[in-house]
Amino acid sequence: MFLTRALSGIVLVIIALATILAGDWVLLATLLLISLVAIFELTKVSQVHTDGKRINWLELAICAGTVAYYAVMYFVKDFTALCMVIMATVIVTMVVYVFAFPKYHATQTMASIFSFLYAPVMLSFVYMVRMLDHGVYLVWIIFLASWISDTCAYLVGITIGKHKYLPKLSPKKSIEGSIGGILGSALLGWLFGHFLLEGVVEMPNITWILVLICAVGSVISQIGDLAASAIKRNYEIKDYGKLIPGHGGIMDRFDSVIFTAPIIYFLCYYLIH
């Protein structure tokens, strides 16, 4: 199991490296594909999808909204236009609910809207970070603050973790592990800033700004991981899917990235210029 998980992790890193370095439409198309898969994982778990292999109208509405959202992001590049697409997707989903009534329940409709906002919209901030000045470097902060934090938290937790802080939600997570994840992410942020960004970004204290961003990102990523775990516990499932061997589904691997990406974007936008 560990070997399978490790090999899958290496493949994911290679794919991330290739798509992020390529940027532009390659990264956008990859995020769109990941978002669509995440939508179907979420709609299946939340019981929006009840028609076997057939896509229902609620799923069609949010998938169309997702494609439109990413198309506007790439071709229009306007924040107001993106907000319009988000509002239009919410409205269209409600139109489906109204005119198909009583085929779909209110909880299914709300779960559909949540799935659209939770996965595609929040994940799109990976692309937004990549498109910032120095984005080819800054975008890696998202993964330093999520995947590295997760790894450090796990290693510290199994080594010295004794005090559980949310035993009903995640019995294996400890306060020591959480602190280890934050410190590990902050340390990687310092190394990243000191050895790379100081030679690229001409502004004072860039390394310590990176430490702050990575530490905050680690906290947010842990909340994202716990939020995804809470959803799984509510619906009594182990994984969102089986797409990634050893990891589960897209949502199992990208749960922390989804939460971290918007926060990293705003922190980089306002603190690094």
C-alpha atoms as a PDB file:
ATOM      1  CA  MET A   1       0.000   0.000   0.000  1.00  0.00           C
ATOM      2  CA  PHE A   2       2.780   2.439   0.934  1.00  0.00           C
ATOM      3  CA  LEU A   3       4.702   1.665  -2.280  1.00  0.00           C
ATOM      4  CA  THR A   4       1.570   2.177  -4.387  1.00  0.00           C
ATOM      5  CA  ARG A   5       0.846   5.465  -2.640  1.00  0.00           C
ATOM      6  CA  ALA A   6       4.457   6.615  -3.059  1.00  0.00           C
ATOM      7  CA  LEU A   7       4.555   5.756  -6.770  1.00  0.00           C
ATOM      8  CA  SER A   8       1.224   7.490  -7.362  1.00  0.00           C
ATOM      9  CA  GLY A   9       2.553  10.523  -5.485  1.00  0.00           C
ATOM     10  CA  ILE A  10       5.642  10.636  -7.724  1.00  0.00           C
ATOM     11  CA  VAL A  11       3.472  10.486 -10.843  1.00  0.00           C
ATOM     12  CA  LEU A  12       1.303  13.321  -9.493  1.00  0.00           C
ATOM     13  CA  VAL A  13       4.387  15.445  -8.810  1.00  0.00           C
ATOM     14  CA  ILE A  14       5.672  14.842 -12.351  1.00  0.00           C
ATOM     15  CA  ILE A  15       2.297  15.801 -13.846  1.00  0.00           C
ATOM     16  CA  ALA A  16       2.126  18.890 -11.620  1.00  0.00           C
ATOM     17  CA  LEU A  17       5.671  19.867 -12.588  1.00  0.00           C
ATOM     18  CA  ALA A  18       4.987  19.483 -16.308  1.00  0.00           C
ATOM     19  CA  THR A  19       1.652  21.319 -16.362  1.00  0.00           C
ATOM     20  CA  ILE A  20       2.668  24.141 -14.022  1.00  0.00           C
ATOM     21  CA  LEU A  21       5.900  24.851 -15.890  1.00  0.00           C
ATOM     22  CA  ALA A  22       3.974  24.832 -19.166  1.00  0.00           C
ATOM     23  CA  GLY A  23       1.341  27.134 -17.705  1.00  0.00           C
ATOM     24  CA  ASP A  24      -1.094  28.847 -20.074  1.00  0.00           C
ATOM     25  CA  TRP A  25      -3.771  26.599 -21.638  1.00  0.00           C
ATOM     26  CA  VAL A  26      -2.001  23.375 -20.589  1.00  0.00           C
ATOM     27  CA  LEU A  27      -2.404  24.156 -16.896  1.00  0.00           C
ATOM     28  CA  LEU A  28      -5.907  25.532 -17.421  1.00  0.00           C
ATOM     29  CA  ALA A  29      -7.041  22.415 -19.324  1.00  0.00           C
ATOM     30  CA  THR A  30      -5.557  20.165 -16.633  1.00  0.00           C
ATOM     31  CA  LEU A  31      -7.368  22.074 -13.875  1.00  0.00           C
ATOM     32  CA  LEU A  32     -10.598  21.926 -15.878  1.00  0.00           C
ATOM     33  CA  LEU A  33     -10.298  18.155 -16.214  1.00  0.00           C
ATOM     34  CA  ILE A  34      -9.518  17.756 -12.507  1.00  0.00           C
ATOM     35  CA  SER A  35     -12.472  20.007 -11.662  1.00  0.00           C
ATOM     36  CA  LEU A  36     -14.917  17.980 -13.746  1.00  0.00           C
ATOM     37  CA  VAL A  37     -13.762  14.738 -12.150  1.00  0.00           C
ATOM     38  CA  ALA A  38     -14.052  16.339  -8.699  1.00  0.00           C
ATOM     39  CA  ILE A  39     -17.609  17.459  -9.498  1.00  0.00           C
ATOM     40  CA  PHE A  40     -18.701  13.913 -10.301  1.00  0.00           C
ATOM     41  CA  GLU A  41     -17.022  12.596  -7.163  1.00  0.00           C
ATOM     42  CA  LEU A  42     -18.846  15.170  -5.054  1.00  0.00           C
ATOM     43  CA  THR A  43     -22.231  14.713  -6.740  1.00  0.00           C
ATOM     44  CA  LYS A  44     -21.975  10.965  -6.353  1.00  0.00           C
ATOM     45  CA  VAL A  45     -21.070  11.207  -2.665  1.00  0.00           C
ATOM     46  CA  SER A  46     -23.756  13.822  -1.923  1.00  0.00           C
ATOM     47  CA  GLN A  47     -26.373  11.725  -3.750  1.00  0.00           C
ATOM     48  CA  VAL A  48     -27.011  14.269  -6.467  1.00  0.00           C
ATOM     49  CA  HIS A  49     -26.041  11.599  -8.961  1.00  0.00           C
ATOM     50  CA  THR A  50     -28.645   8.839  -8.743  1.00  0.00           C
ATOM     51  CA  ASP A  51     -29.060   7.790 -12.385  1.00  0.00           C
ATOM     52  CA  GLY A  52     -26.278   5.234 -12.684  1.00  0.00           C
ATOM     53  CA  LYS A  53     -23.938   6.261 -15.497  1.00  0.00           C
ATOM     54  CA  ARG A  54     -26.319   8.873 -16.858  1.00  0.00           C
ATOM     55  CA  ILE A  55     -25.568  12.556 -16.219  1.00  0.00           C
ATOM     56  CA  ASN A  56     -28.581  14.372 -14.802  1.00  0.00           C
ATOM     57  CA  TRP A  57     -29.619  17.973 -15.445  1.00  0.00           C
ATOM     58  CA  LEU A  58     -28.172  19.340 -12.211  1.00  0.00           C
ATOM     59  CA  GLU A  59     -24.767  17.869 -13.041  1.00  0.00           C
ATOM     60  CA  LEU A  60     -25.044  19.129 -16.606  1.00  0.00           C
ATOM     61  CA  ALA A  61     -25.748  22.658 -15.347  1.00  0.00           C
ATOM     62  CA  ILE A  62     -22.700  22.837 -13.073  1.00  0.00           C
ATOM     63  CA  CYS A  63     -20.440  21.112 -15.615  1.00  0.00           C
ATOM     64  CA  ALA A  64     -21.483  23.634 -18.272  1.00  0.00           C
ATOM     65  CA  GLY A  65     -20.876  26.395 -15.748  1.00  0.00           C
ATOM     66  CA  THR A  66     -17.418  24.994 -15.019  1.00  0.00           C
ATOM     67  CA  VAL A  67     -16.456  24.916 -18.705  1.00  0.00           C
ATOM     68  CA  ALA A  68     -17.787  28.457 -19.167  1.00  0.00           C
ATOM     69  CA  TYR A  69     -15.936  29.660 -16.068  1.00  0.00           C
ATOM     70  CA  TYR A  70     -12.575  28.344 -17.273  1.00  0.00           C
ATOM     71  CA  ALA A  71     -13.207  29.598 -20.823  1.00  0.00           C
ATOM     72  CA  VAL A  72     -13.912  33.115 -19.530  1.00  0.00           C
ATOM     73  CA  MET A  73     -10.835  32.930 -17.297  1.00  0.00           C
ATOM     74  CA  TYR A  74      -8.643  32.130 -20.295  1.00  0.00           C
ATOM     75  CA  PHE A  75     -10.170  34.221 -23.080  1.00  0.00           C
ATOM     76  CA  VAL A  76     -11.758  37.194 -21.259  1.00  0.00           C
ATOM     77  CA  LYS A  77      -9.499  37.495 -18.198  1.00  0.00           C
ATOM     78  CA  ASP A  78     -11.946  39.714 -16.337  1.00  0.00           C
ATOM     79  CA  PHE A  79     -12.966  39.283 -12.687  1.00  0.00           C
ATOM     80  CA  THR A  80     -16.443  40.760 -13.228  1.00  0.00           C
ATOM     81  CA  ALA A  81     -17.077  38.328 -16.075  1.00  0.00           C
ATOM     82  CA  LEU A  82     -16.035  35.438 -13.815  1.00  0.00           C
ATOM     83  CA  CYS A  83     -18.505  36.603 -11.159  1.00  0.00           C
ATOM     84  CA  MET A  84     -21.210  36.730 -13.824  1.00  0.00           C
ATOM     85  CA  VAL A  85     -20.491  33.126 -14.802  1.00  0.00           C
ATOM     86  CA  ILE A  86     -20.654  32.027 -11.160  1.00  0.00           C
ATOM     87  CA  MET A  87     -23.997  33.787 -10.665  1.00  0.00           C
ATOM     88  CA  ALA A  88     -25.332  32.432 -13.961  1.00  0.00           C
ATOM     89  CA  THR A  89     -24.380  28.890 -12.960  1.00  0.00           C
ATOM     90  CA  VAL A  90     -26.168  29.234  -9.623  1.00  0.00           C
ATOM     91  CA  ILE A  91     -29.265  30.656 -11.341  1.00  0.00           C
ATOM     92  CA  VAL A  92     -29.329  27.992 -14.072  1.00  0.00           C
ATOM     93  CA  THR A  93     -29.013  25.268 -11.437  1.00  0.00           C
ATOM     94  CA  MET A  94     -31.991  26.763  -9.608  1.00  0.00           C
ATOM     95  CA  VAL A  95     -33.929  26.961 -12.891  1.00  0.00           C
ATOM     96  CA  VAL A  96     -33.345  23.234 -13.381  1.00  0.00           C
ATOM     97  CA  TYR A  97     -34.559  22.608  -9.838  1.00  0.00           C
ATOM     98  CA  VAL A  98     -37.708  24.682 -10.357  1.00  0.00           C
ATOM     99  CA  PHE A  99     -38.775  23.404 -13.778  1.00  0.00           C
ATOM    100  CA  ALA A 100     -37.951  19.761 -13.002  1.00  0.00           C
ATOM    101  CA  PHE A 101     -39.752  19.893  -9.637  1.00  0.00           C
ATOM    102  CA  PRO A 102     -40.229  17.583  -7.805  1.00  0.00           C
ATOM    103  CA  LYS A 103     -37.602  15.429  -9.543  1.00  0.00           C
ATOM    104  CA  TYR A 104     -34.723  16.958  -7.562  1.00  0.00           C
ATOM    105  CA  HIS A 105     -34.696  17.670  -3.844  1.00  0.00           C
ATOM    106  CA  ALA A 106     -33.520  21.000  -2.413  1.00  0.00           C
ATOM    107  CA  THR A 107     -30.561  19.266  -0.761  1.00  0.00           C
ATOM    108  CA  GLN A 108     -29.453  17.894  -4.147  1.00  0.00           C
ATOM    109  CA  THR A 109     -29.668  21.356  -5.696  1.00  0.00           C
ATOM    110  CA  MET A 110     -27.679  22.959  -2.890  1.00  0.00           C
ATOM    111  CA  ALA A 111     -25.115  20.142  -3.033  1.00  0.00           C
ATOM    112  CA  SER A 112     -24.726  20.776  -6.782  1.00  0.00           C
ATOM    113  CA  ILE A 113     -24.045  24.485  -6.261  1.00  0.00           C
ATOM    114  CA  PHE A 114     -21.641  23.650  -3.437  1.00  0.00           C
ATOM    115  CA  SER A 115     -19.797  21.156  -5.671  1.00  0.00           C
ATOM    116  CA  PHE A 116     -19.337  23.851  -8.323  1.00  0.00           C
ATOM    117  CA  LEU A 117     -18.000  26.439  -5.874  1.00  0.00           C
ATOM    118  CA  TYR A 118     -15.951  23.986  -3.824  1.00  0.00           C
ATOM    119  CA  ALA A 119     -13.966  22.283  -6.572  1.00  0.00           C
ATOM    120  CA  PRO A 120     -13.803  24.202  -9.897  1.00  0.00           C
ATOM    121  CA  VAL A 121     -13.941  27.768  -8.571  1.00  0.00           C
ATOM    122  CA  MET A 122     -11.546  27.337  -5.636  1.00  0.00           C
ATOM    123  CA  LEU A 123      -9.171  25.150  -7.667  1.00  0.00           C
ATOM    124  CA  SER A 124      -9.000  27.794 -10.402  1.00  0.00           C
ATOM    125  CA  PHE A 125      -6.874  29.933  -8.086  1.00  0.00           C
ATOM    126  CA  VAL A 126      -3.942  27.634  -8.895  1.00  0.00           C
ATOM    127  CA  TYR A 127      -4.077  29.097 -12.401  1.00  0.00           C
ATOM    128  CA  MET A 128      -4.548  32.614 -11.036  1.00  0.00           C
ATOM    129  CA  VAL A 129      -1.406  32.301  -8.911  1.00  0.00           C
ATOM    130  CA  ARG A 130       0.485  30.957 -11.917  1.00  0.00           C
ATOM    131  CA  MET A 131      -0.523  34.044 -13.921  1.00  0.00           C
ATOM    132  CA  LEU A 132       0.767  36.517 -11.290  1.00  0.00           C
ATOM    133  CA  ASP A 133       4.142  38.225 -11.688  1.00  0.00           C
ATOM    134  CA  HIS A 134       6.734  35.547 -10.814  1.00  0.00           C
ATOM    135  CA  GLY A 135       3.830  33.080 -10.830  1.00  0.00           C
ATOM    136  CA  VAL A 136       5.985  30.269 -12.192  1.00  0.00           C
ATOM    137  CA  TYR A 137       7.732  30.342  -8.798  1.00  0.00           C
ATOM    138  CA  LEU A 138       4.893  31.462  -6.519  1.00  0.00           C
ATOM    139  CA  VAL A 139       2.495  28.727  -7.632  1.00  0.00           C
ATOM    140  CA  TRP A 140       4.673  26.130  -5.896  1.00  0.00           C
ATOM    141  CA  ILE A 141       3.841  27.735  -2.561  1.00  0.00           C
ATOM    142  CA  ILE A 142       0.388  26.161  -2.864  1.00  0.00           C
ATOM    143  CA  PHE A 143       1.925  22.706  -2.871  1.00  0.00           C
ATOM    144  CA  LEU A 144       4.553  23.543  -0.245  1.00  0.00           C
ATOM    145  CA  ALA A 145       1.745  24.668   2.029  1.00  0.00           C
ATOM    146  CA  SER A 146      -0.460  21.636   1.359  1.00  0.00           C
ATOM    147  CA  TRP A 147       1.313  18.461   0.268  1.00  0.00           C
ATOM    148  CA  ILE A 148       4.545  19.182   2.185  1.00  0.00           C
ATOM    149  CA  SER A 149       2.544  20.244   5.221  1.00  0.00           C
ATOM    150  CA  ASP A 150       0.530  17.020   5.025  1.00  0.00           C
ATOM    151  CA  THR A 151       3.704  14.914   4.809  1.00  0.00           C
ATOM    152  CA  CYS A 152       5.402  16.710   7.725  1.00  0.00           C
ATOM    153  CA  ALA A 153       2.250  16.481   9.846  1.00  0.00           C
ATOM    154  CA  TYR A 154       2.028  12.748   9.160  1.00  0.00           C
ATOM    155  CA  LEU A 155       5.685  12.061   9.997  1.00  0.00           C
ATOM    156  CA  VAL A 156       5.643  14.123  13.200  1.00  0.00           C
ATOM    157  CA  GLY A 157       2.273  12.679  14.182  1.00  0.00           C
ATOM    158  CA  ILE A 158       3.340   9.037  13.936  1.00  0.00           C
ATOM    159  CA  THR A 159       6.622   9.833  15.703  1.00  0.00           C
ATOM    160  CA  ILE A 160       5.658  11.949  18.694  1.00  0.00           C
ATOM    161  CA  GLY A 161       1.942  12.657  18.280  1.00  0.00           C
ATOM    162  CA  LYS A 162       0.055  12.050  21.551  1.00  0.00           C
ATOM    163  CA  HIS A 163      -2.593  14.740  21.938  1.00  0.00           C
ATOM    164  CA  LYS A 164      -5.591  14.317  19.644  1.00  0.00           C
ATOM    165  CA  TYR A 165      -7.458  17.515  18.837  1.00  0.00           C
ATOM    166  CA  LEU A 166     -10.442  16.290  16.800  1.00  0.00           C
ATOM    167  CA  PRO A 167     -10.823  12.607  17.711  1.00  0.00           C
ATOM    168  CA  LYS A 168     -14.440  12.356  16.519  1.00  0.00           C
ATOM    169  CA  LEU A 169     -13.554  13.658  13.082  1.00  0.00           C
ATOM    170  CA  SER A 170     -10.002  12.421  12.525  1.00  0.00           C
ATOM    171  CA  PRO A 171      -8.753  10.135  15.332  1.00  0.00           C
ATOM    172  CA  LYS A 172      -5.199   9.867  13.978  1.00  0.00           C
ATOM    173  CA  LYS A 173      -4.480  13.606  13.784  1.00  0.00           C
ATOM    174  CA  SER A 174      -2.594  15.129  16.696  1.00  0.00           C
ATOM    175  CA  ILE A 175      -1.677  18.605  17.901  1.00  0.00           C
ATOM    176  CA  GLU A 176       2.005  17.692  17.546  1.00  0.00           C
ATOM    177  CA  GLY A 177       1.442  16.582  13.959  1.00  0.00           C
ATOM    178  CA  SER A 178      -0.441  19.767  13.129  1.00  0.00           C
ATOM    179  CA  ILE A 179       2.365  21.931  14.550  1.00  0.00           C
ATOM    180  CA  GLY A 180       4.904  19.792  12.696  1.00  0.00           C
ATOM    181  CA  GLY A 181       3.049  20.436   9.450  1.00  0.00           C
ATOM    182  CA  ILE A 182       3.046  24.189  10.024  1.00  0.00           C
ATOM    183  CA  LEU A 183       6.736  24.296  10.982  1.00  0.00           C
ATOM    184  CA  GLY A 184       7.724  21.989   8.124  1.00  0.00           C
ATOM    185  CA  SER A 185       5.845  24.130   5.619  1.00  0.00           C
ATOM    186  CA  ALA A 186       7.368  27.320   7.086  1.00  0.00           C
ATOM    187  CA  LEU A 187      10.873  25.821   6.888  1.00  0.00           C
ATOM    188  CA  LEU A 188      10.374  24.851   3.254  1.00  0.00           C
ATOM    189  CA  GLY A 189       9.064  28.356   2.665  1.00  0.00           C
ATOM    190  CA  TRP A 190      12.274  29.801   4.130  1.00  0.00           C
ATOM    191  CA  LEU A 191      14.450  27.544   1.969  1.00  0.00           C
ATOM    192  CA  PHE A 192      12.352  28.340  -1.102  1.00  0.00           C
ATOM    193  CA  GLY A 193      12.548  32.075  -0.461  1.00  0.00           C
ATOM    194  CA  HIS A 194      16.213  32.216   0.557  1.00  0.00           C
ATOM    195  CA  PHE A 195      17.664  30.063  -2.205  1.00  0.00           C
ATOM    196  CA  LEU A 196      15.321  30.905  -5.052  1.00  0.00           C
ATOM    197  CA  LEU A 197      13.015  33.908  -4.723  1.00  0.00           C
ATOM    198  CA  GLU A 198      15.601  36.304  -3.271  1.00  0.00           C
ATOM    199  CA  GLY A 199      17.354  36.162  -6.630  1.00  0.00           C
ATOM    200  CA  VAL A 200      14.126  36.672  -8.560  1.00  0.00           C
ATOM    201  CA  VAL A 201      11.854  39.015  -6.598  1.00  0.00           C
ATOM    202  CA  GLU A 202      13.450  42.363  -5.791  1.00  0.00           C
ATOM    203  CA  MET A 203      11.760  43.299  -2.530  1.00  0.00           C
ATOM    204  CA  PRO A 204      12.917  43.316   1.091  1.00  0.00           C
ATOM    205  CA  ASN A 205      12.097  40.471   3.466  1.00  0.00           C
ATOM    206  CA  ILE A 206      10.793  38.225   0.666  1.00  0.00           C
ATOM    207  CA  THR A 207      12.052  35.121   2.489  1.00  0.00           C
ATOM    208  CA  TRP A 208      10.177  35.929   5.689  1.00  0.00           C
ATOM    209  CA  ILE A 209       7.072  36.803   3.711  1.00  0.00           C
ATOM    210  CA  LEU A 210       7.313  33.313   2.196  1.00  0.00           C
ATOM    211  CA  VAL A 211       7.629  31.822   5.685  1.00  0.00           C
ATOM    212  CA  LEU A 212       4.438  33.631   6.748  1.00  0.00           C
ATOM    213  CA  ILE A 213       2.526  32.636   3.609  1.00  0.00           C
ATOM    214  CA  CYS A 214       3.548  28.981   3.907  1.00  0.00           C
ATOM    215  CA  ALA A 215       2.668  28.849   7.615  1.00  0.00           C
ATOM    216  CA  VAL A 216      -0.773  30.366   7.014  1.00  0.00           C
ATOM    217  CA  GLY A 217      -1.223  28.119   3.997  1.00  0.00           C
ATOM    218  CA  SER A 218      -0.416  25.064   6.114  1.00  0.00           C
ATOM    219  CA  VAL A 219      -3.121  25.974   8.630  1.00  0.00           C
ATOM    220  CA  ILE A 220      -5.665  26.455   5.839  1.00  0.00           C
ATOM    221  CA  SER A 221      -4.619  23.224   4.103  1.00  0.00           C
ATOM    222  CA  GLN A 222      -5.181  21.261   7.306  1.00  0.00           C
ATOM    223  CA  ILE A 223      -8.660  22.765   7.608  1.00  0.00           C
ATOM    224  CA  GLY A 224      -9.306  21.805   3.987  1.00  0.00           C
ATOM    225  CA  ASP A 225      -8.238  18.244   4.678  1.00  0.00           C
ATOM    226  CA  LEU A 226     -10.486  18.077   7.735  1.00  0.00           C
ATOM    227  CA  ALA A 227     -13.417  19.589   5.828  1.00  0.00           C
ATOM    228  CA  ALA A 228     -13.147  16.899   3.158  1.00  0.00           C
ATOM    229  CA  SER A 229     -12.899  14.253   5.898  1.00  0.00           C
ATOM    230  CA  ALA A 230     -16.017  15.641   7.572  1.00  0.00           C
ATOM    231  CA  ILE A 231     -17.989  15.282   4.339  1.00  0.00           C
ATOM    232  CA  LYS A 232     -16.816  11.682   3.977  1.00  0.00           C
ATOM    233  CA  ARG A 233     -17.819  10.900   7.558  1.00  0.00           C
ATOM    234  CA  ASN A 234     -21.244  12.438   7.052  1.00  0.00           C
ATOM    235  CA  TYR A 235     -21.809  10.167   4.073  1.00  0.00           C
ATOM    236  CA  GLU A 236     -19.962   7.212   5.646  1.00  0.00           C
ATOM    237  CA  ILE A 237     -17.432   6.605   2.877  1.00  0.00           C
ATOM    238  CA  LYS A 238     -13.693   5.949   3.021  1.00  0.00           C
ATOM    239  CA  ASP A 239     -12.615   7.648  -0.223  1.00  0.00           C
ATOM    240  CA  TYR A 240     -14.201   9.900  -2.828  1.00  0.00           C
ATOM    241  CA  GLY A 241     -13.105   7.579  -5.623  1.00  0.00           C
ATOM    242  CA  LYS A 242     -10.502   5.117  -6.877  1.00  0.00           C
ATOM    243  CA  LEU A 243      -8.867   7.110  -9.659  1.00  0.00           C
ATOM    244  CA  ILE A 244      -5.469   7.521  -7.972  1.00  0.00           C
ATOM    245  CA  PRO A 245      -4.036   4.244  -6.615  1.00  0.00           C
ATOM    246  CA  GLY A 246      -3.175   4.495  -2.937  1.00  0.00           C
ATOM    247  CA  HIS A 247      -4.787   7.923  -2.604  1.00  0.00           C
ATOM    248  CA  GLY A 248      -8.419   7.479  -3.620  1.00  0.00           C
ATOM    249  CA  GLY A 249     -10.124  10.038  -5.800  1.00  0.00           C
ATOM    250  CA  ILE A 250      -9.247  13.517  -7.004  1.00  0.00           C
ATOM    251  CA  MET A 251     -10.917  15.039  -3.941  1.00  0.00           C
ATOM    252  CA  ASP A 252      -8.862  12.819  -1.633  1.00  0.00           C
ATOM    253  CA  ARG A 253      -5.623  14.149  -3.091  1.00  0.00           C
ATOM    254  CA  PHE A 254      -6.580  17.751  -3.841  1.00  0.00           C
ATOM    255  CA  ASP A 255      -8.754  18.507  -0.790  1.00  0.00           C
ATOM    256  CA  SER A 256      -6.063  20.626   0.883  1.00  0.00           C
ATOM    257  CA  VAL A 257      -4.923  22.237  -2.404  1.00  0.00           C
ATOM    258  CA  ILE A 258      -8.503  23.377  -3.103  1.00  0.00           C
ATOM    259  CA  PHE A 259      -8.623  25.236   0.224  1.00  0.00           C
ATOM    260  CA  THR A 260      -5.077  26.561   0.070  1.00  0.00           C
ATOM    261  CA  ALA A 261      -5.002  27.959  -3.479  1.00  0.00           C
ATOM    262  CA  PRO A 262      -7.350  30.963  -2.940  1.00  0.00           C
ATOM    263  CA  ILE A 263      -5.597  31.985   0.286  1.00  0.00           C
ATOM    264  CA  ILE A 264      -2.153  31.757  -1.330  1.00  0.00           C
ATOM    265  CA  TYR A 265      -3.398  33.817  -4.259  1.00  0.00           C
ATOM    266  CA  PHE A 266      -4.621  36.690  -2.091  1.00  0.00           C
ATOM    267  CA  LEU A 267      -1.562  36.593   0.168  1.00  0.00           C
ATOM    268  CA  CYS A 268       0.788  36.677  -2.829  1.00  0.00           C
ATOM    269  CA  TYR A 269      -1.289  39.346  -4.566  1.00  0.00           C
ATOM    270  CA  TYR A 270      -1.164  41.723  -1.615  1.00  0.00           C
ATOM    271  CA  LEU A 271       2.211  40.866  -0.053  1.00  0.00           C
ATOM    272  CA  ILE A 272       4.451  40.164  -3.061  1.00  0.00           C
ATOM    273  CA  HIS A 273       4.705  42.718  -5.833  1.00  0.00           C
END
